[in-house]
Amino acid sequence: MKNKRKKYCFALDLKNKPELIDTYVEQHQKVWPEILDQIKSTGVLSMEIYQVSNRLFMIMETEPDFSLAKKQQQDSADLKVQEWETLMAKYQQALPCAKPGEKWVLMDQIFKL
């Protein structure tokens, strides 16, 4: 049976300062429970973030009826998520190709085996 999950991949840069990168990684070893609950409540089944230097890649698997726009609306309306996002913004910087106000940039799949 074919997997019905959706998969989204995103990229983001961190400010290229080792102490900020270290703190960002530490923060993600102890993500607030409210943030984890919010992520799950929006239809995200799994989420992984990978790091190389100051570049991050996030892979998100979701339920089949997941809507990225709906998740963004729910996140915008959640005060704890906004508090987390404000804290994380101290460490993050947009990719050169990001649109104004965009942090995580959705990636296009170009190969699959």
PDB file of N, CA and C in Angstrom:
ATOM      1  N   MET A   1       0.843  -1.182   0.000  1.00  0.00           N
ATOM      2  CA  MET A   1       0.000   0.000   0.000  1.00  0.00           C
ATOM      3  C   MET A   1       0.886   1.242   0.000  1.00  0.00           C
ATOM      4  N   LYS A   2       0.550   2.190  -0.810  1.00  0.00           N
ATOM      5  CA  LYS A   2       1.344   3.402  -0.965  1.00  0.00           C
ATOM      6  C   LYS A   2       1.167   4.327   0.239  1.00  0.00           C
ATOM      7  N   ASN A   3       2.286   4.946   0.665  1.00  0.00           N
ATOM      8  CA  ASN A   3       2.264   5.870   1.783  1.00  0.00           C
ATOM      9  C   ASN A   3       1.507   7.142   1.384  1.00  0.00           C
ATOM     10  N   LYS A   4       0.531   7.535   2.172  1.00  0.00           N
ATOM     11  CA  LYS A   4      -0.297   8.699   1.854  1.00  0.00           C
ATOM     12  C   LYS A   4       0.206   9.967   2.527  1.00  0.00           C
ATOM     13  N   ARG A   5       1.244   9.866   3.334  1.00  0.00           N
ATOM     14  CA  ARG A   5       1.785  11.043   4.017  1.00  0.00           C
ATOM     15  C   ARG A   5       2.332  12.049   3.007  1.00  0.00           C
ATOM     16  N   LYS A   6       2.276  13.307   3.388  1.00  0.00           N
ATOM     17  CA  LYS A   6       2.921  14.355   2.606  1.00  0.00           C
ATOM     18  C   LYS A   6       4.280  14.632   3.250  1.00  0.00           C
ATOM     19  N   LYS A   7       5.227  15.082   2.446  1.00  0.00           N
ATOM     20  CA  LYS A   7       6.552  15.429   2.957  1.00  0.00           C
ATOM     21  C   LYS A   7       6.923  16.821   2.471  1.00  0.00           C
ATOM     22  N   TYR A   8       7.413  17.620   3.389  1.00  0.00           N
ATOM     23  CA  TYR A   8       7.865  18.979   3.101  1.00  0.00           C
ATOM     24  C   TYR A   8       9.300  19.116   3.593  1.00  0.00           C
ATOM     25  N   CYS A   9      10.138  19.760   2.806  1.00  0.00           N
ATOM     26  CA  CYS A   9      11.520  20.005   3.195  1.00  0.00           C
ATOM     27  C   CYS A   9      11.782  21.503   3.111  1.00  0.00           C
ATOM     28  N   PHE A  10      12.431  22.021   4.127  1.00  0.00           N
ATOM     29  CA  PHE A  10      12.690  23.455   4.227  1.00  0.00           C
ATOM     30  C   PHE A  10      14.162  23.698   4.539  1.00  0.00           C
ATOM     31  N   ALA A  11      14.641  24.889   4.221  1.00  0.00           N
ATOM     32  CA  ALA A  11      16.007  25.304   4.562  1.00  0.00           C
ATOM     33  C   ALA A  11      15.951  26.667   5.239  1.00  0.00           C
ATOM     34  N   LEU A  12      16.924  26.898   6.096  1.00  0.00           N
ATOM     35  CA  LEU A  12      17.052  28.153   6.831  1.00  0.00           C
ATOM     36  C   LEU A  12      18.497  28.294   7.257  1.00  0.00           C
ATOM     37  N   ASP A  13      18.987  29.507   7.349  1.00  0.00           N
ATOM     38  CA  ASP A  13      20.330  29.741   7.869  1.00  0.00           C
ATOM     39  C   ASP A  13      20.255  30.278   9.285  1.00  0.00           C
ATOM     40  N   LEU A  14      21.299  29.965  10.039  1.00  0.00           N
ATOM     41  CA  LEU A  14      21.505  30.579  11.335  1.00  0.00           C
ATOM     42  C   LEU A  14      22.539  31.676  11.172  1.00  0.00           C
ATOM     43  N   LYS A  15      22.517  32.629  12.068  1.00  0.00           N
ATOM     44  CA  LYS A  15      23.571  33.637  12.070  1.00  0.00           C
ATOM     45  C   LYS A  15      24.887  32.904  12.274  1.00  0.00           C
ATOM     46  N   ASN A  16      25.890  33.255  11.514  1.00  0.00           N
ATOM     47  CA  ASN A  16      27.129  32.486  11.484  1.00  0.00           C
ATOM     48  C   ASN A  16      28.069  32.875  12.627  1.00  0.00           C
ATOM     49  N   LYS A  17      27.583  32.638  13.846  1.00  0.00           N
ATOM     50  CA  LYS A  17      28.360  32.885  15.056  1.00  0.00           C
ATOM     51  C   LYS A  17      28.294  31.610  15.892  1.00  0.00           C
ATOM     52  N   PRO A  18      29.440  30.966  16.137  1.00  0.00           N
ATOM     53  CA  PRO A  18      29.431  29.671  16.832  1.00  0.00           C
ATOM     54  C   PRO A  18      28.638  29.657  18.141  1.00  0.00           C
ATOM     55  N   GLU A  19      28.724  30.712  18.934  1.00  0.00           N
ATOM     56  CA  GLU A  19      28.011  30.716  20.217  1.00  0.00           C
ATOM     57  C   GLU A  19      26.497  30.754  20.012  1.00  0.00           C
ATOM     58  N   LEU A  20      26.035  31.449  18.973  1.00  0.00           N
ATOM     59  CA  LEU A  20      24.602  31.472  18.678  1.00  0.00           C
ATOM     60  C   LEU A  20      24.136  30.120  18.135  1.00  0.00           C
ATOM     61  N   ILE A  21      24.937  29.532  17.272  1.00  0.00           N
ATOM     62  CA  ILE A  21      24.597  28.211  16.715  1.00  0.00           C
ATOM     63  C   ILE A  21      24.508  27.188  17.840  1.00  0.00           C
ATOM     64  N   ASP A  22      25.484  27.201  18.750  1.00  0.00           N
ATOM     65  CA  ASP A  22      25.473  26.258  19.881  1.00  0.00           C
ATOM     66  C   ASP A  22      24.218  26.434  20.736  1.00  0.00           C
ATOM     67  N   THR A  23      23.849  27.663  21.002  1.00  0.00           N
ATOM     68  CA  THR A  23      22.658  27.928  21.818  1.00  0.00           C
ATOM     69  C   THR A  23      21.396  27.471  21.094  1.00  0.00           C
ATOM     70  N   TYR A  24      21.324  27.708  19.792  1.00  0.00           N
ATOM     71  CA  TYR A  24      20.169  27.275  19.007  1.00  0.00           C
ATOM     72  C   TYR A  24      20.029  25.748  19.074  1.00  0.00           C
ATOM     73  N   VAL A  25      21.136  25.047  18.914  1.00  0.00           N
ATOM     74  CA  VAL A  25      21.109  23.581  18.987  1.00  0.00           C
ATOM     75  C   VAL A  25      20.660  23.136  20.378  1.00  0.00           C
ATOM     76  N   GLU A  26      21.187  23.767  21.416  1.00  0.00           N
ATOM     77  CA  GLU A  26      20.779  23.435  22.790  1.00  0.00           C
ATOM     78  C   GLU A  26      19.283  23.645  22.982  1.00  0.00           C
ATOM     79  N   GLN A  27      18.756  24.745  22.455  1.00  0.00           N
ATOM     80  CA  GLN A  27      17.317  25.013  22.568  1.00  0.00           C
ATOM     81  C   GLN A  27      16.500  23.884  21.942  1.00  0.00           C
ATOM     82  N   HIS A  28      17.014  23.301  20.875  1.00  0.00           N
ATOM     83  CA  HIS A  28      16.273  22.248  20.184  1.00  0.00           C
ATOM     84  C   HIS A  28      16.458  20.865  20.820  1.00  0.00           C
ATOM     85  N   GLN A  29      17.293  20.795  21.841  1.00  0.00           N
ATOM     86  CA  GLN A  29      17.388  19.564  22.626  1.00  0.00           C
ATOM     87  C   GLN A  29      16.339  19.554  23.736  1.00  0.00           C
ATOM     88  N   LYS A  30      15.700  20.709  23.951  1.00  0.00           N
ATOM     89  CA  LYS A  30      14.681  20.842  25.001  1.00  0.00           C
ATOM     90  C   LYS A  30      13.548  21.762  24.540  1.00  0.00           C
ATOM     91  N   VAL A  31      12.957  21.421  23.404  1.00  0.00           N
ATOM     92  CA  VAL A  31      11.845  22.208  22.859  1.00  0.00           C
ATOM     93  C   VAL A  31      10.696  22.195  23.863  1.00  0.00           C
ATOM     94  N   TRP A  32      10.078  23.345  24.053  1.00  0.00           N
ATOM     95  CA  TRP A  32       8.977  23.460  25.005  1.00  0.00           C
ATOM     96  C   TRP A  32       7.854  22.478  24.662  1.00  0.00           C
ATOM     97  N   PRO A  33       7.271  21.833  25.680  1.00  0.00           N
ATOM     98  CA  PRO A  33       6.180  20.872  25.424  1.00  0.00           C
ATOM     99  C   PRO A  33       5.003  21.482  24.659  1.00  0.00           C
ATOM    100  N   GLU A  34       4.694  22.753  24.924  1.00  0.00           N
ATOM    101  CA  GLU A  34       3.583  23.411  24.233  1.00  0.00           C
ATOM    102  C   GLU A  34       3.849  23.517  22.731  1.00  0.00           C
ATOM    103  N   ILE A  35       5.104  23.675  22.368  1.00  0.00           N
ATOM    104  CA  ILE A  35       5.469  23.767  20.955  1.00  0.00           C
ATOM    105  C   ILE A  35       5.316  22.401  20.294  1.00  0.00           C
ATOM    106  N   LEU A  36       5.781  21.375  20.974  1.00  0.00           N
ATOM    107  CA  LEU A  36       5.636  20.020  20.439  1.00  0.00           C
ATOM    108  C   LEU A  36       4.161  19.661  20.266  1.00  0.00           C
ATOM    109  N   ASP A  37       3.343  20.013  21.253  1.00  0.00           N
ATOM    110  CA  ASP A  37       1.903  19.740  21.170  1.00  0.00           C
ATOM    111  C   ASP A  37       1.267  20.492  20.002  1.00  0.00           C
ATOM    112  N   GLN A  38       1.651  21.751  19.810  1.00  0.00           N
ATOM    113  CA  GLN A  38       1.099  22.549  18.714  1.00  0.00           C
ATOM    114  C   GLN A  38       1.480  21.952  17.362  1.00  0.00           C
ATOM    115  N   ILE A  39       2.741  21.555  17.228  1.00  0.00           N
ATOM    116  CA  ILE A  39       3.189  20.950  15.964  1.00  0.00           C
ATOM    117  C   ILE A  39       2.332  19.730  15.636  1.00  0.00           C
ATOM    118  N   LYS A  40       2.161  18.858  16.616  1.00  0.00           N
ATOM    119  CA  LYS A  40       1.369  17.638  16.403  1.00  0.00           C
ATOM    120  C   LYS A  40      -0.097  17.960  16.098  1.00  0.00           C
ATOM    121  N   SER A  41      -0.637  18.977  16.759  1.00  0.00           N
ATOM    122  CA  SER A  41      -2.062  19.299  16.591  1.00  0.00           C
ATOM    123  C   SER A  41      -2.383  19.846  15.201  1.00  0.00           C
ATOM    124  N   THR A  42      -1.369  20.280  14.460  1.00  0.00           N
ATOM    125  CA  THR A  42      -1.602  20.837  13.125  1.00  0.00           C
ATOM    126  C   THR A  42      -1.538  19.772  12.028  1.00  0.00           C
ATOM    127  N   GLY A  43      -1.308  18.507  12.404  1.00  0.00           N
ATOM    128  CA  GLY A  43      -1.264  17.430  11.414  1.00  0.00           C
ATOM    129  C   GLY A  43       0.130  16.987  11.035  1.00  0.00           C
ATOM    130  N   VAL A  44       1.130  17.488  11.740  1.00  0.00           N
ATOM    131  CA  VAL A  44       2.511  17.055  11.497  1.00  0.00           C
ATOM    132  C   VAL A  44       2.727  15.739  12.243  1.00  0.00           C
ATOM    133  N   LEU A  45       3.151  14.711  11.513  1.00  0.00           N
ATOM    134  CA  LEU A  45       3.377  13.391  12.102  1.00  0.00           C
ATOM    135  C   LEU A  45       4.819  13.220  12.569  1.00  0.00           C
ATOM    136  N   SER A  46       5.749  13.816  11.847  1.00  0.00           N
ATOM    137  CA  SER A  46       7.148  13.782  12.276  1.00  0.00           C
ATOM    138  C   SER A  46       7.860  15.004  11.721  1.00  0.00           C
ATOM    139  N   MET A  47       8.891  15.416  12.452  1.00  0.00           N
ATOM    140  CA  MET A  47       9.686  16.566  12.049  1.00  0.00           C
ATOM    141  C   MET A  47      11.124  16.316  12.485  1.00  0.00           C
ATOM    142  N   GLU A  48      12.048  16.579  11.558  1.00  0.00           N
ATOM    143  CA  GLU A  48      13.470  16.438  11.847  1.00  0.00           C
ATOM    144  C   GLU A  48      14.174  17.685  11.336  1.00  0.00           C
ATOM    145  N   ILE A  49      15.173  18.152  12.086  1.00  0.00           N
ATOM    146  CA  ILE A  49      16.000  19.267  11.639  1.00  0.00           C
ATOM    147  C   ILE A  49      17.440  18.785  11.616  1.00  0.00           C
ATOM    148  N   TYR A  50      18.110  19.027  10.496  1.00  0.00           N
ATOM    149  CA  TYR A  50      19.516  18.665  10.317  1.00  0.00           C
ATOM    150  C   TYR A  50      20.335  19.938  10.153  1.00  0.00           C
ATOM    151  N   GLN A  51      21.584  19.869  10.578  1.00  0.00           N
ATOM    152  CA  GLN A  51      22.458  21.038  10.537  1.00  0.00           C
ATOM    153  C   GLN A  51      23.776  20.710   9.858  1.00  0.00           C
ATOM    154  N   VAL A  52      24.251  21.637   9.026  1.00  0.00           N
ATOM    155  CA  VAL A  52      25.616  21.619   8.524  1.00  0.00           C
ATOM    156  C   VAL A  52      26.087  23.063   8.580  1.00  0.00           C
ATOM    157  N   SER A  53      27.120  23.303   9.351  1.00  0.00           N
ATOM    158  CA  SER A  53      27.620  24.656   9.574  1.00  0.00           C
ATOM    159  C   SER A  53      26.467  25.510  10.097  1.00  0.00           C
ATOM    160  N   ASN A  54      26.143  26.604   9.416  1.00  0.00           N
ATOM    161  CA  ASN A  54      25.028  27.433   9.886  1.00  0.00           C
ATOM    162  C   ASN A  54      23.748  27.224   9.058  1.00  0.00           C
ATOM    163  N   ARG A  55      23.720  26.190   8.235  1.00  0.00           N
ATOM    164  CA  ARG A  55      22.537  25.897   7.419  1.00  0.00           C
ATOM    165  C   ARG A  55      21.730  24.775   8.071  1.00  0.00           C
ATOM    166  N   LEU A  56      20.409  24.969   8.081  1.00  0.00           N
ATOM    167  CA  LEU A  56      19.492  23.977   8.637  1.00  0.00           C
ATOM    168  C   LEU A  56      18.586  23.431   7.547  1.00  0.00           C
ATOM    169  N   PHE A  57      18.244  22.154   7.655  1.00  0.00           N
ATOM    170  CA  PHE A  57      17.263  21.512   6.790  1.00  0.00           C
ATOM    171  C   PHE A  57      16.215  20.868   7.680  1.00  0.00           C
ATOM    172  N   MET A  58      14.954  21.127   7.399  1.00  0.00           N
ATOM    173  CA  MET A  58      13.865  20.537   8.159  1.00  0.00           C
ATOM    174  C   MET A  58      13.050  19.648   7.230  1.00  0.00           C
ATOM    175  N   ILE A  59      12.774  18.446   7.701  1.00  0.00           N
ATOM    176  CA  ILE A  59      11.929  17.500   6.976  1.00  0.00           C
ATOM    177  C   ILE A  59      10.693  17.263   7.836  1.00  0.00           C
ATOM    178  N   MET A  60       9.544  17.471   7.230  1.00  0.00           N
ATOM    179  CA  MET A  60       8.284  17.370   7.936  1.00  0.00           C
ATOM    180  C   MET A  60       7.378  16.401   7.192  1.00  0.00           C
ATOM    181  N   GLU A  61       6.897  15.384   7.889  1.00  0.00           N
ATOM    182  CA  GLU A  61       5.913  14.467   7.308  1.00  0.00           C
ATOM    183  C   GLU A  61       4.579  14.748   7.964  1.00  0.00           C
ATOM    184  N   THR A  62       3.530  14.784   7.125  1.00  0.00           N
ATOM    185  CA  THR A  62       2.220  15.194   7.616  1.00  0.00           C
ATOM    186  C   THR A  62       1.130  14.216   7.208  1.00  0.00           C
ATOM    187  N   GLU A  63      -0.018  14.427   7.803  1.00  0.00           N
ATOM    188  CA  GLU A  63      -1.205  13.677   7.417  1.00  0.00           C
ATOM    189  C   GLU A  63      -1.587  14.059   5.989  1.00  0.00           C
ATOM    190  N   PRO A  64      -2.313  13.191   5.291  1.00  0.00           N
ATOM    191  CA  PRO A  64      -2.668  13.463   3.894  1.00  0.00           C
ATOM    192  C   PRO A  64      -3.442  14.763   3.669  1.00  0.00           C
ATOM    193  N   ASP A  65      -4.282  15.160   4.623  1.00  0.00           N
ATOM    194  CA  ASP A  65      -5.101  16.361   4.445  1.00  0.00           C
ATOM    195  C   ASP A  65      -4.444  17.619   5.025  1.00  0.00           C
ATOM    196  N   PHE A  66      -3.161  17.539   5.345  1.00  0.00           N
ATOM    197  CA  PHE A  66      -2.428  18.665   5.926  1.00  0.00           C
ATOM    198  C   PHE A  66      -2.422  19.860   4.982  1.00  0.00           C
ATOM    199  N   SER A  67      -2.546  21.050   5.573  1.00  0.00           N
ATOM    200  CA  SER A  67      -2.467  22.300   4.820  1.00  0.00           C
ATOM    201  C   SER A  67      -1.398  23.186   5.456  1.00  0.00           C
ATOM    202  N   LEU A  68      -0.399  23.532   4.675  1.00  0.00           N
ATOM    203  CA  LEU A  68       0.667  24.399   5.167  1.00  0.00           C
ATOM    204  C   LEU A  68       0.106  25.772   5.542  1.00  0.00           C
ATOM    205  N   ALA A  69      -0.814  26.291   4.746  1.00  0.00           N
ATOM    206  CA  ALA A  69      -1.436  27.584   5.036  1.00  0.00           C
ATOM    207  C   ALA A  69      -2.208  27.537   6.352  1.00  0.00           C
ATOM    208  N   LYS A  70      -2.937  26.446   6.584  1.00  0.00           N
ATOM    209  CA  LYS A  70      -3.701  26.305   7.828  1.00  0.00           C
ATOM    210  C   LYS A  70      -2.759  26.220   9.022  1.00  0.00           C
ATOM    211  N   LYS A  71      -1.652  25.495   8.883  1.00  0.00           N
ATOM    212  CA  LYS A  71      -0.678  25.404   9.976  1.00  0.00           C
ATOM    213  C   LYS A  71      -0.119  26.788  10.295  1.00  0.00           C
ATOM    214  N   GLN A  72       0.207  27.554   9.262  1.00  0.00           N
ATOM    215  CA  GLN A  72       0.736  28.898   9.475  1.00  0.00           C
ATOM    216  C   GLN A  72      -0.283  29.778  10.198  1.00  0.00           C
ATOM    217  N   GLN A  73      -1.561  29.646   9.865  1.00  0.00           N
ATOM    218  CA  GLN A  73      -2.614  30.410  10.552  1.00  0.00           C
ATOM    219  C   GLN A  73      -2.702  30.005  12.021  1.00  0.00           C
ATOM    220  N   GLN A  74      -2.671  28.687  12.273  1.00  0.00           N
ATOM    221  CA  GLN A  74      -2.751  28.201  13.650  1.00  0.00           C
ATOM    222  C   GLN A  74      -1.532  28.668  14.455  1.00  0.00           C
ATOM    223  N   ASP A  75      -0.358  28.607  13.850  1.00  0.00           N
ATOM    224  CA  ASP A  75       0.855  29.039  14.538  1.00  0.00           C
ATOM    225  C   ASP A  75       0.797  30.533  14.855  1.00  0.00           C
ATOM    226  N   SER A  76       0.292  31.326  13.920  1.00  0.00           N
ATOM    227  CA  SER A  76       0.194  32.776  14.118  1.00  0.00           C
ATOM    228  C   SER A  76      -0.755  33.132  15.256  1.00  0.00           C
ATOM    229  N   ALA A  77      -1.771  32.296  15.466  1.00  0.00           N
ATOM    230  CA  ALA A  77      -2.771  32.560  16.498  1.00  0.00           C
ATOM    231  C   ALA A  77      -2.364  32.015  17.871  1.00  0.00           C
ATOM    232  N   ASP A  78      -1.285  31.254  17.942  1.00  0.00           N
ATOM    233  CA  ASP A  78      -0.866  30.621  19.195  1.00  0.00           C
ATOM    234  C   ASP A  78       0.213  31.473  19.870  1.00  0.00           C
ATOM    235  N   LEU A  79      -0.092  32.011  21.040  1.00  0.00           N
ATOM    236  CA  LEU A  79       0.836  32.912  21.731  1.00  0.00           C
ATOM    237  C   LEU A  79       2.150  32.232  22.116  1.00  0.00           C
ATOM    238  N   LYS A  80       2.088  30.966  22.508  1.00  0.00           N
ATOM    239  CA  LYS A  80       3.313  30.260  22.907  1.00  0.00           C
ATOM    240  C   LYS A  80       4.200  30.029  21.685  1.00  0.00           C
ATOM    241  N   VAL A  81       3.607  29.692  20.551  1.00  0.00           N
ATOM    242  CA  VAL A  81       4.373  29.526  19.314  1.00  0.00           C
ATOM    243  C   VAL A  81       5.032  30.857  18.943  1.00  0.00           C
ATOM    244  N   GLN A  82       4.295  31.941  19.083  1.00  0.00           N
ATOM    245  CA  GLN A  82       4.869  33.250  18.762  1.00  0.00           C
ATOM    246  C   GLN A  82       6.011  33.608  19.709  1.00  0.00           C
ATOM    247  N   GLU A  83       5.887  33.230  20.964  1.00  0.00           N
ATOM    248  CA  GLU A  83       6.982  33.444  21.928  1.00  0.00           C
ATOM    249  C   GLU A  83       8.220  32.639  21.513  1.00  0.00           C
ATOM    250  N   TRP A  84       8.020  31.379  21.135  1.00  0.00           N
ATOM    251  CA  TRP A  84       9.114  30.520  20.674  1.00  0.00           C
ATOM    252  C   TRP A  84       9.762  31.106  19.418  1.00  0.00           C
ATOM    253  N   GLU A  85       8.924  31.526  18.467  1.00  0.00           N
ATOM    254  CA  GLU A  85       9.440  32.079  17.211  1.00  0.00           C
ATOM    255  C   GLU A  85      10.253  33.358  17.452  1.00  0.00           C
ATOM    256  N   THR A  86       9.818  34.171  18.380  1.00  0.00           N
ATOM    257  CA  THR A  86      10.563  35.388  18.726  1.00  0.00           C
ATOM    258  C   THR A  86      11.919  35.030  19.318  1.00  0.00           C
ATOM    259  N   LEU A  87      11.941  34.026  20.186  1.00  0.00           N
ATOM    260  CA  LEU A  87      13.205  33.568  20.771  1.00  0.00           C
ATOM    261  C   LEU A  87      14.132  33.012  19.690  1.00  0.00           C
ATOM    262  N   MET A  88      13.600  32.178  18.788  1.00  0.00           N
ATOM    263  CA  MET A  88      14.428  31.559  17.755  1.00  0.00           C
ATOM    264  C   MET A  88      14.936  32.584  16.739  1.00  0.00           C
ATOM    265  N   ALA A  89      14.192  33.662  16.538  1.00  0.00           N
ATOM    266  CA  ALA A  89      14.585  34.684  15.561  1.00  0.00           C
ATOM    267  C   ALA A  89      15.925  35.324  15.910  1.00  0.00           C
ATOM    268  N   LYS A  90      16.319  35.264  17.170  1.00  0.00           N
ATOM    269  CA  LYS A  90      17.612  35.825  17.583  1.00  0.00           C
ATOM    270  C   LYS A  90      18.774  35.073  16.936  1.00  0.00           C
ATOM    271  N   TYR A  91      18.532  33.832  16.537  1.00  0.00           N
ATOM    272  CA  TYR A  91      19.587  32.969  16.007  1.00  0.00           C
ATOM    273  C   TYR A  91      19.503  32.793  14.494  1.00  0.00           C
ATOM    274  N   GLN A  92      18.352  33.062  13.921  1.00  0.00           N
ATOM    275  CA  GLN A  92      18.084  32.743  12.523  1.00  0.00           C
ATOM    276  C   GLN A  92      18.324  33.935  11.601  1.00  0.00           C
ATOM    277  N   GLN A  93      18.662  33.615  10.355  1.00  0.00           N
ATOM    278  CA  GLN A  93      18.702  34.634   9.300  1.00  0.00           C
ATOM    279  C   GLN A  93      18.139  34.001   8.038  1.00  0.00           C
ATOM    280  N   ALA A  94      17.471  34.803   7.270  1.00  0.00           N
ATOM    281  CA  ALA A  94      16.820  34.302   6.058  1.00  0.00           C
ATOM    282  C   ALA A  94      17.852  33.899   5.011  1.00  0.00           C
ATOM    283  N   LEU A  95      17.497  32.918   4.215  1.00  0.00           N
ATOM    284  CA  LEU A  95      18.311  32.569   3.055  1.00  0.00           C
ATOM    285  C   LEU A  95      18.297  33.736   2.071  1.00  0.00           C
ATOM    286  N   PRO A  96      19.340  33.878   1.269  1.00  0.00           N
ATOM    287  CA  PRO A  96      19.355  34.964   0.284  1.00  0.00           C
ATOM    288  C   PRO A  96      18.152  34.941  -0.670  1.00  0.00           C
ATOM    289  N   CYS A  97      17.594  33.766  -0.931  1.00  0.00           N
ATOM    290  CA  CYS A  97      16.466  33.641  -1.850  1.00  0.00           C
ATOM    291  C   CYS A  97      15.101  33.798  -1.171  1.00  0.00           C
ATOM    292  N   ALA A  98      15.084  34.005   0.147  1.00  0.00           N
ATOM    293  CA  ALA A  98      13.817  34.095   0.883  1.00  0.00           C
ATOM    294  C   ALA A  98      13.048  35.354   0.499  1.00  0.00           C
ATOM    295  N   LYS A  99      11.726  35.210   0.495  1.00  0.00           N
ATOM    296  CA  LYS A  99      10.854  36.354   0.269  1.00  0.00           C
ATOM    297  C   LYS A  99      10.824  37.198   1.541  1.00  0.00           C
ATOM    298  N   PRO A 100      10.467  38.461   1.459  1.00  0.00           N
ATOM    299  CA  PRO A 100      10.386  39.296   2.659  1.00  0.00           C
ATOM    300  C   PRO A 100       9.487  38.655   3.723  1.00  0.00           C
ATOM    301  N   GLY A 101       9.993  38.544   4.943  1.00  0.00           N
ATOM    302  CA  GLY A 101       9.246  37.946   6.042  1.00  0.00           C
ATOM    303  C   GLY A 101       9.287  36.435   6.101  1.00  0.00           C
ATOM    304  N   GLU A 102       9.887  35.788   5.124  1.00  0.00           N
ATOM    305  CA  GLU A 102       9.953  34.322   5.076  1.00  0.00           C
ATOM    306  C   GLU A 102      11.193  33.853   5.819  1.00  0.00           C
ATOM    307  N   LYS A 103      11.009  32.852   6.695  1.00  0.00           N
ATOM    308  CA  LYS A 103      12.148  32.275   7.390  1.00  0.00           C
ATOM    309  C   LYS A 103      12.509  30.936   6.734  1.00  0.00           C
ATOM    310  N   TRP A 104      11.778  29.914   7.068  1.00  0.00           N
ATOM    311  CA  TRP A 104      12.027  28.603   6.470  1.00  0.00           C
ATOM    312  C   TRP A 104      11.552  28.638   5.014  1.00  0.00           C
ATOM    313  N   VAL A 105      12.436  28.282   4.085  1.00  0.00           N
ATOM    314  CA  VAL A 105      12.111  28.295   2.657  1.00  0.00           C
ATOM    315  C   VAL A 105      11.808  26.864   2.207  1.00  0.00           C
ATOM    316  N   LEU A 106      10.639  26.693   1.601  1.00  0.00           N
ATOM    317  CA  LEU A 106      10.224  25.392   1.104  1.00  0.00           C
ATOM    318  C   LEU A 106      11.131  24.982  -0.052  1.00  0.00           C
ATOM    319  N   MET A 107      11.638  23.759   0.008  1.00  0.00           N
ATOM    320  CA  MET A 107      12.556  23.258  -1.006  1.00  0.00           C
ATOM    321  C   MET A 107      11.793  22.423  -2.032  1.00  0.00           C
ATOM    322  N   ASP A 108      12.324  22.369  -3.253  1.00  0.00           N
ATOM    323  CA  ASP A 108      11.773  21.535  -4.313  1.00  0.00           C
ATOM    324  C   ASP A 108      12.541  20.223  -4.371  1.00  0.00           C
ATOM    325  N   GLN A 109      11.824  19.129  -4.496  1.00  0.00           N
ATOM    326  CA  GLN A 109      12.473  17.830  -4.666  1.00  0.00           C
ATOM    327  C   GLN A 109      12.968  17.716  -6.111  1.00  0.00           C
ATOM    328  N   ILE A 110      14.226  17.362  -6.264  1.00  0.00           N
ATOM    329  CA  ILE A 110      14.770  17.219  -7.611  1.00  0.00           C
ATOM    330  C   ILE A 110      15.241  15.805  -7.917  1.00  0.00           C
ATOM    331  N   PHE A 111      15.237  14.911  -6.904  1.00  0.00           N
ATOM    332  CA  PHE A 111      15.656  13.530  -7.119  1.00  0.00           C
ATOM    333  C   PHE A 111      15.026  12.654  -6.062  1.00  0.00           C
ATOM    334  N   LYS A 112      14.675  11.422  -6.454  1.00  0.00           N
ATOM    335  CA  LYS A 112      14.169  10.428  -5.519  1.00  0.00           C
ATOM    336  C   LYS A 112      14.528   9.052  -6.050  1.00  0.00           C
ATOM    337  N   LEU A 113      15.043   8.194  -5.189  1.00  0.00           N
ATOM    338  CA  LEU A 113      15.402   6.830  -5.555  1.00  0.00           C
ATOM    339  C   LEU A 113      14.379   5.887  -4.973  1.00  0.00           C
TER     340      LEU A 113
END
